[in-house]
Amino acid sequence: MTKIFIDTNILISAIVFDKNELELIIRCASEGDKIYISEHIMEEATRVFITKFPKHLEIFEKFIEISEMEIINKKLYEKKIKKFDDIRDQYDAHVIACAESSKCKFIITGDKDILDYRHKTIKIMRSADYLTQMR
């Protein structure tokens, strides 16, 4: 079982655009991999669905309810956020902190600031690159 952390943009794209991101989630589930998101990501995704994709809000809520994604409570990673003050967009530090706290092997994102970040043990990549690696 591989632990994979997905960023907000991956979660939203999986539901709204139904492309690589949805394929990634389906393949991970069928392979027995575990997908993680942070409480921050859940909150951000909910805001985006309410403001930009309100017609998809119910699908998102159902998707979270039936998926086996694990939502990591802020208390488990908040203290580690400061450790990643070298990331270009400090708001993204929670992604690295949560993925590390959850012992994830991968972070899947479309965010350039996160993609450019180098972590000692976590591989950070786009969904298409992860799917290519899985094949």
Protein backbone atom coordinates (compact mmCIF):
# COMPACT_ATOMS: atom_id res chain seq x y z
CA MET A 1 0.00 0.00 0.00
CA THR A 2 1.34 3.38 -1.05
CA LYS A 3 0.31 6.51 0.83
CA ILE A 4 -0.54 9.39 -1.51
CA PHE A 5 -1.42 12.96 -0.56
CA ILE A 6 -3.53 14.90 -3.05
CA ASP A 7 -3.77 18.67 -3.24
CA THR A 8 -6.96 20.71 -3.61
CA ASN A 9 -6.59 21.19 -7.35
CA ILE A 10 -6.41 17.41 -7.88
CA LEU A 11 -9.53 16.80 -5.82
CA ILE A 12 -11.51 19.50 -7.62
CA SER A 13 -10.32 18.42 -11.08
CA ALA A 14 -11.27 14.80 -10.36
CA ILE A 15 -14.86 15.81 -9.74
CA VAL A 16 -15.37 18.71 -12.15
CA PHE A 17 -13.26 17.77 -15.17
CA ASP A 18 -13.10 13.95 -14.94
CA LYS A 19 -9.63 13.52 -16.50
CA ASN A 20 -6.25 12.26 -15.20
CA GLU A 21 -7.11 13.25 -11.66
CA LEU A 22 -10.19 11.01 -11.47
CA GLU A 23 -8.27 8.19 -13.14
CA LEU A 24 -5.54 8.61 -10.51
CA ILE A 25 -8.01 8.30 -7.64
CA ILE A 26 -9.75 5.29 -9.19
CA ARG A 27 -6.47 3.52 -9.94
CA CYS A 28 -5.13 4.17 -6.46
CA ALA A 29 -8.29 2.72 -4.95
CA SER A 30 -8.14 -0.35 -7.19
CA GLU A 31 -4.44 -0.87 -6.36
CA GLY A 32 -5.11 -0.65 -2.63
CA ASP A 33 -3.24 2.64 -2.20
CA LYS A 34 -4.38 5.07 0.48
CA ILE A 35 -5.23 8.68 -0.40
CA TYR A 36 -4.87 11.46 2.16
CA ILE A 37 -6.02 15.06 2.26
CA SER A 38 -5.63 17.64 5.01
CA GLU A 39 -8.41 19.36 6.87
CA HIS A 40 -7.15 22.57 5.17
CA ILE A 41 -7.72 20.99 1.75
CA MET A 42 -11.20 19.83 2.68
CA GLU A 43 -12.09 23.37 3.77
CA GLU A 44 -10.54 24.97 0.67
CA ALA A 45 -12.21 22.52 -1.72
CA THR A 46 -15.58 23.11 -0.06
CA ARG A 47 -15.16 26.89 -0.52
CA VAL A 48 -14.23 26.43 -4.19
CA PHE A 49 -17.23 24.20 -4.87
CA ILE A 50 -19.58 26.65 -3.16
CA THR A 51 -18.24 29.70 -5.03
CA LYS A 52 -17.12 28.35 -8.43
CA PHE A 53 -18.82 24.99 -8.97
CA PRO A 54 -22.03 25.02 -6.90
CA LYS A 55 -23.67 22.42 -9.16
CA HIS A 56 -20.90 19.99 -8.18
CA LEU A 57 -21.12 20.55 -4.42
CA GLU A 58 -23.47 17.63 -3.78
CA ILE A 59 -21.29 15.32 -5.89
CA PHE A 60 -18.22 16.46 -3.96
CA GLU A 61 -19.88 15.84 -0.61
CA LYS A 62 -21.03 12.35 -1.71
CA PHE A 63 -17.59 11.62 -3.17
CA ILE A 64 -15.92 12.41 0.15
CA GLU A 65 -18.53 10.42 2.04
CA ILE A 66 -18.10 7.22 0.01
CA SER A 67 -14.41 7.47 -0.81
CA GLU A 68 -11.86 5.97 1.47
CA MET A 69 -9.77 9.13 1.55
CA GLU A 70 -8.43 9.95 4.95
CA ILE A 71 -8.89 13.55 6.08
CA ILE A 72 -6.05 14.45 8.46
CA ASN A 73 -7.00 16.67 11.38
CA LYS A 74 -5.11 19.97 11.62
CA LYS A 75 -3.89 19.12 15.11
CA LEU A 76 -1.71 16.36 13.67
CA TYR A 77 0.34 18.63 11.39
CA GLU A 78 -0.10 22.29 12.42
CA LYS A 79 3.07 22.41 14.51
CA LYS A 80 5.13 21.13 11.56
CA ILE A 81 3.99 23.87 9.17
CA LYS A 82 6.71 26.30 10.33
CA LYS A 83 9.33 23.67 9.49
CA PHE A 84 8.62 24.28 5.81
CA ASP A 85 9.17 28.03 5.72
CA ASP A 86 11.39 27.59 2.66
CA ILE A 87 8.46 26.86 0.34
CA ARG A 88 7.79 29.74 -2.07
CA ASP A 89 4.09 30.16 -1.13
CA GLN A 90 3.91 29.81 2.65
CA TYR A 91 0.21 28.91 2.43
CA ASP A 92 1.28 25.62 0.78
CA ALA A 93 3.43 24.58 3.74
CA HIS A 94 0.46 22.75 5.25
CA VAL A 95 0.49 20.34 2.27
CA ILE A 96 4.08 19.31 2.95
CA ALA A 97 3.55 19.20 6.72
CA CYS A 98 0.45 17.03 6.47
CA ALA A 99 1.95 14.67 3.89
CA GLU A 100 5.04 14.23 6.04
CA SER A 101 2.98 13.71 9.21
CA SER A 102 0.93 11.07 7.39
CA LYS A 103 4.10 9.39 6.11
CA CYS A 104 3.00 9.77 2.50
CA LYS A 105 5.38 8.70 -0.23
CA PHE A 106 3.89 11.04 -2.86
CA ILE A 107 2.23 14.43 -3.13
CA ILE A 108 0.15 14.83 -6.27
CA THR A 109 -0.51 18.45 -7.23
CA GLY A 110 -0.80 20.92 -10.07
CA ASP A 111 0.49 23.80 -7.93
CA LYS A 112 3.79 25.08 -9.32
CA ASP A 113 5.06 26.27 -5.93
CA ILE A 114 4.58 22.80 -4.46
CA LEU A 115 5.92 21.06 -7.59
CA ASP A 116 9.12 23.10 -7.32
CA TYR A 117 9.62 22.18 -3.67
CA ARG A 118 12.16 19.44 -2.91
CA HIS A 119 11.54 17.14 0.03
CA LYS A 120 13.99 14.52 1.27
CA THR A 121 11.57 11.58 1.28
CA ILE A 122 8.36 12.63 -0.49
CA LYS A 123 8.15 12.67 -4.29
CA ILE A 124 6.09 15.59 -5.59
CA MET A 125 4.54 15.30 -9.05
CA ARG A 126 1.61 15.97 -11.36
CA SER A 127 -1.19 13.42 -11.74
CA ALA A 128 -0.22 12.56 -15.34
CA ASP A 129 3.36 11.82 -14.25
CA TYR A 130 2.16 9.61 -11.41
CA LEU A 131 -0.14 7.70 -13.78
CA THR A 132 2.75 7.18 -16.20
CA GLN A 133 4.85 5.85 -13.33
CA MET A 134 2.05 3.45 -12.32
CA ARG A 135 1.89 1.89 -15.80
